[in-house]
Amino acid sequence: MNSLFADRLTNVQIAGNTVRMEFSTLEFLPGNDPNAPNTRVSLVLAMPLEGFVQAYNGQETVVRKLLADGLLKRNEPTPAQ
């Protein structure tokens, strides 16, 4: 089994019954602003739509538990000016 790491999901595309997710890692390059790192695509994962929905449901369950346990907080929308 291969283990891979990504800092974030940067793109999702759906073509027919296939979902392609592009994951990226952050690159902190010398001389660049450390608060604005570059991103580099490190992995593209393709899976059937049914598998994507199952993965989404599992992630949604984890997020709800993190919210309930106080380990994650919702971003409240800022009022329009």
C-alpha atoms as a PDB file:
ATOM      1  CA  MET A   1       0.000   0.000   0.000  1.00  0.00           C
ATOM      2  CA  ASN A   2       1.230   3.500  -0.818  1.00  0.00           C
ATOM      3  CA  SER A   3       0.812   6.374   1.611  1.00  0.00           C
ATOM      4  CA  LEU A   4       0.654   9.865   0.158  1.00  0.00           C
ATOM      5  CA  PHE A   5       0.335  13.300   1.717  1.00  0.00           C
ATOM      6  CA  ALA A   6      -1.420  16.441   0.485  1.00  0.00           C
ATOM      7  CA  ASP A   7      -2.051  19.767   2.205  1.00  0.00           C
ATOM      8  CA  ARG A   8      -5.285  20.472   0.385  1.00  0.00           C
ATOM      9  CA  LEU A   9      -7.786  19.523  -2.274  1.00  0.00           C
ATOM     10  CA  THR A  10      -7.339  22.036  -5.081  1.00  0.00           C
ATOM     11  CA  ASN A  11      -9.684  20.894  -7.840  1.00  0.00           C
ATOM     12  CA  VAL A  12     -12.578  18.487  -8.446  1.00  0.00           C
ATOM     13  CA  GLN A  13     -13.853  17.515 -11.896  1.00  0.00           C
ATOM     14  CA  ILE A  14     -16.665  15.170 -12.879  1.00  0.00           C
ATOM     15  CA  ALA A  15     -16.689  13.461 -16.256  1.00  0.00           C
ATOM     16  CA  GLY A  16     -19.508  11.003 -16.698  1.00  0.00           C
ATOM     17  CA  ASN A  17     -19.397   8.603 -13.748  1.00  0.00           C
ATOM     18  CA  THR A  18     -15.810   9.452 -12.755  1.00  0.00           C
ATOM     19  CA  VAL A  19     -14.730  12.061 -10.213  1.00  0.00           C
ATOM     20  CA  ARG A  20     -11.162  13.354 -10.444  1.00  0.00           C
ATOM     21  CA  MET A  21      -9.731  15.119  -7.416  1.00  0.00           C
ATOM     22  CA  GLU A  22      -6.488  17.078  -7.604  1.00  0.00           C
ATOM     23  CA  PHE A  23      -4.521  17.353  -4.365  1.00  0.00           C
ATOM     24  CA  SER A  24      -1.640  19.742  -3.744  1.00  0.00           C
ATOM     25  CA  THR A  25       1.160  20.306  -1.283  1.00  0.00           C
ATOM     26  CA  LEU A  26       2.399  23.674  -0.092  1.00  0.00           C
ATOM     27  CA  GLU A  27       5.854  24.850  -1.118  1.00  0.00           C
ATOM     28  CA  PHE A  28       7.658  27.413   0.971  1.00  0.00           C
ATOM     29  CA  LEU A  29      10.314  28.761  -1.377  1.00  0.00           C
ATOM     30  CA  PRO A  30      13.208  30.945  -0.217  1.00  0.00           C
ATOM     31  CA  GLY A  31      12.526  34.613  -0.844  1.00  0.00           C
ATOM     32  CA  ASN A  32       8.750  34.158  -1.149  1.00  0.00           C
ATOM     33  CA  ASP A  33       6.217  35.411   1.370  1.00  0.00           C
ATOM     34  CA  PRO A  34       5.876  32.664   4.021  1.00  0.00           C
ATOM     35  CA  ASN A  35       2.169  33.588   4.386  1.00  0.00           C
ATOM     36  CA  ALA A  36       1.530  32.902   0.690  1.00  0.00           C
ATOM     37  CA  PRO A  37       3.177  29.594  -0.201  1.00  0.00           C
ATOM     38  CA  ASN A  38       3.013  28.149  -3.694  1.00  0.00           C
ATOM     39  CA  THR A  39       0.957  25.025  -4.274  1.00  0.00           C
ATOM     40  CA  ARG A  40       2.160  22.068  -6.317  1.00  0.00           C
ATOM     41  CA  VAL A  41      -0.102  19.275  -7.553  1.00  0.00           C
ATOM     42  CA  SER A  42       1.078  16.111  -5.844  1.00  0.00           C
ATOM     43  CA  LEU A  43      -1.695  13.636  -6.616  1.00  0.00           C
ATOM     44  CA  VAL A  44      -4.718  13.140  -8.847  1.00  0.00           C
ATOM     45  CA  LEU A  45      -7.216  10.607  -7.529  1.00  0.00           C
ATOM     46  CA  ALA A  46      -9.919   9.274  -9.852  1.00  0.00           C
ATOM     47  CA  MET A  47     -12.836   7.273  -8.486  1.00  0.00           C
ATOM     48  CA  PRO A  48     -16.364   6.306  -9.491  1.00  0.00           C
ATOM     49  CA  LEU A  49     -19.124   8.727  -8.496  1.00  0.00           C
ATOM     50  CA  GLU A  50     -20.611   6.179  -6.059  1.00  0.00           C
ATOM     51  CA  GLY A  51     -17.283   5.832  -4.232  1.00  0.00           C
ATOM     52  CA  PHE A  52     -16.906   9.622  -4.090  1.00  0.00           C
ATOM     53  CA  VAL A  53     -20.356   9.979  -2.478  1.00  0.00           C
ATOM     54  CA  GLN A  54     -19.507   7.271   0.072  1.00  0.00           C
ATOM     55  CA  ALA A  55     -16.233   9.070   0.897  1.00  0.00           C
ATOM     56  CA  TYR A  56     -18.087  12.383   1.211  1.00  0.00           C
ATOM     57  CA  ASN A  57     -20.628  10.852   3.614  1.00  0.00           C
ATOM     58  CA  GLY A  58     -17.815   9.468   5.755  1.00  0.00           C
ATOM     59  CA  GLN A  59     -16.048  12.846   5.857  1.00  0.00           C
ATOM     60  CA  GLU A  60     -19.303  14.606   6.709  1.00  0.00           C
ATOM     61  CA  THR A  61     -19.749  12.275   9.695  1.00  0.00           C
ATOM     62  CA  VAL A  62     -16.221  13.092  10.929  1.00  0.00           C
ATOM     63  CA  VAL A  63     -16.801  16.858  10.538  1.00  0.00           C
ATOM     64  CA  ARG A  64     -20.068  16.670  12.506  1.00  0.00           C
ATOM     65  CA  LYS A  65     -18.266  14.835  15.332  1.00  0.00           C
ATOM     66  CA  LEU A  66     -15.420  17.394  15.349  1.00  0.00           C
ATOM     67  CA  LEU A  67     -17.995  20.207  15.564  1.00  0.00           C
ATOM     68  CA  ALA A  68     -19.890  18.463  18.370  1.00  0.00           C
ATOM     69  CA  ASP A  69     -16.650  17.874  20.300  1.00  0.00           C
ATOM     70  CA  GLY A  70     -15.632  21.528  19.913  1.00  0.00           C
ATOM     71  CA  LEU A  71     -12.479  20.647  17.969  1.00  0.00           C
ATOM     72  CA  LEU A  72     -13.723  22.501  14.898  1.00  0.00           C
ATOM     73  CA  LYS A  73     -15.734  25.701  14.625  1.00  0.00           C
ATOM     74  CA  ARG A  74     -17.983  26.847  11.798  1.00  0.00           C
ATOM     75  CA  ASN A  75     -17.027  30.000   9.919  1.00  0.00           C
ATOM     76  CA  GLU A  76     -19.897  32.408  10.351  1.00  0.00           C
ATOM     77  CA  PRO A  77     -20.609  34.587   7.289  1.00  0.00           C
ATOM     78  CA  THR A  78     -19.590  38.201   7.732  1.00  0.00           C
ATOM     79  CA  PRO A  79     -22.442  40.724   7.352  1.00  0.00           C
ATOM     80  CA  ALA A  80     -22.540  42.596   4.056  1.00  0.00           C
ATOM     81  CA  GLN A  81     -21.544  46.231   4.306  1.00  0.00           C
END
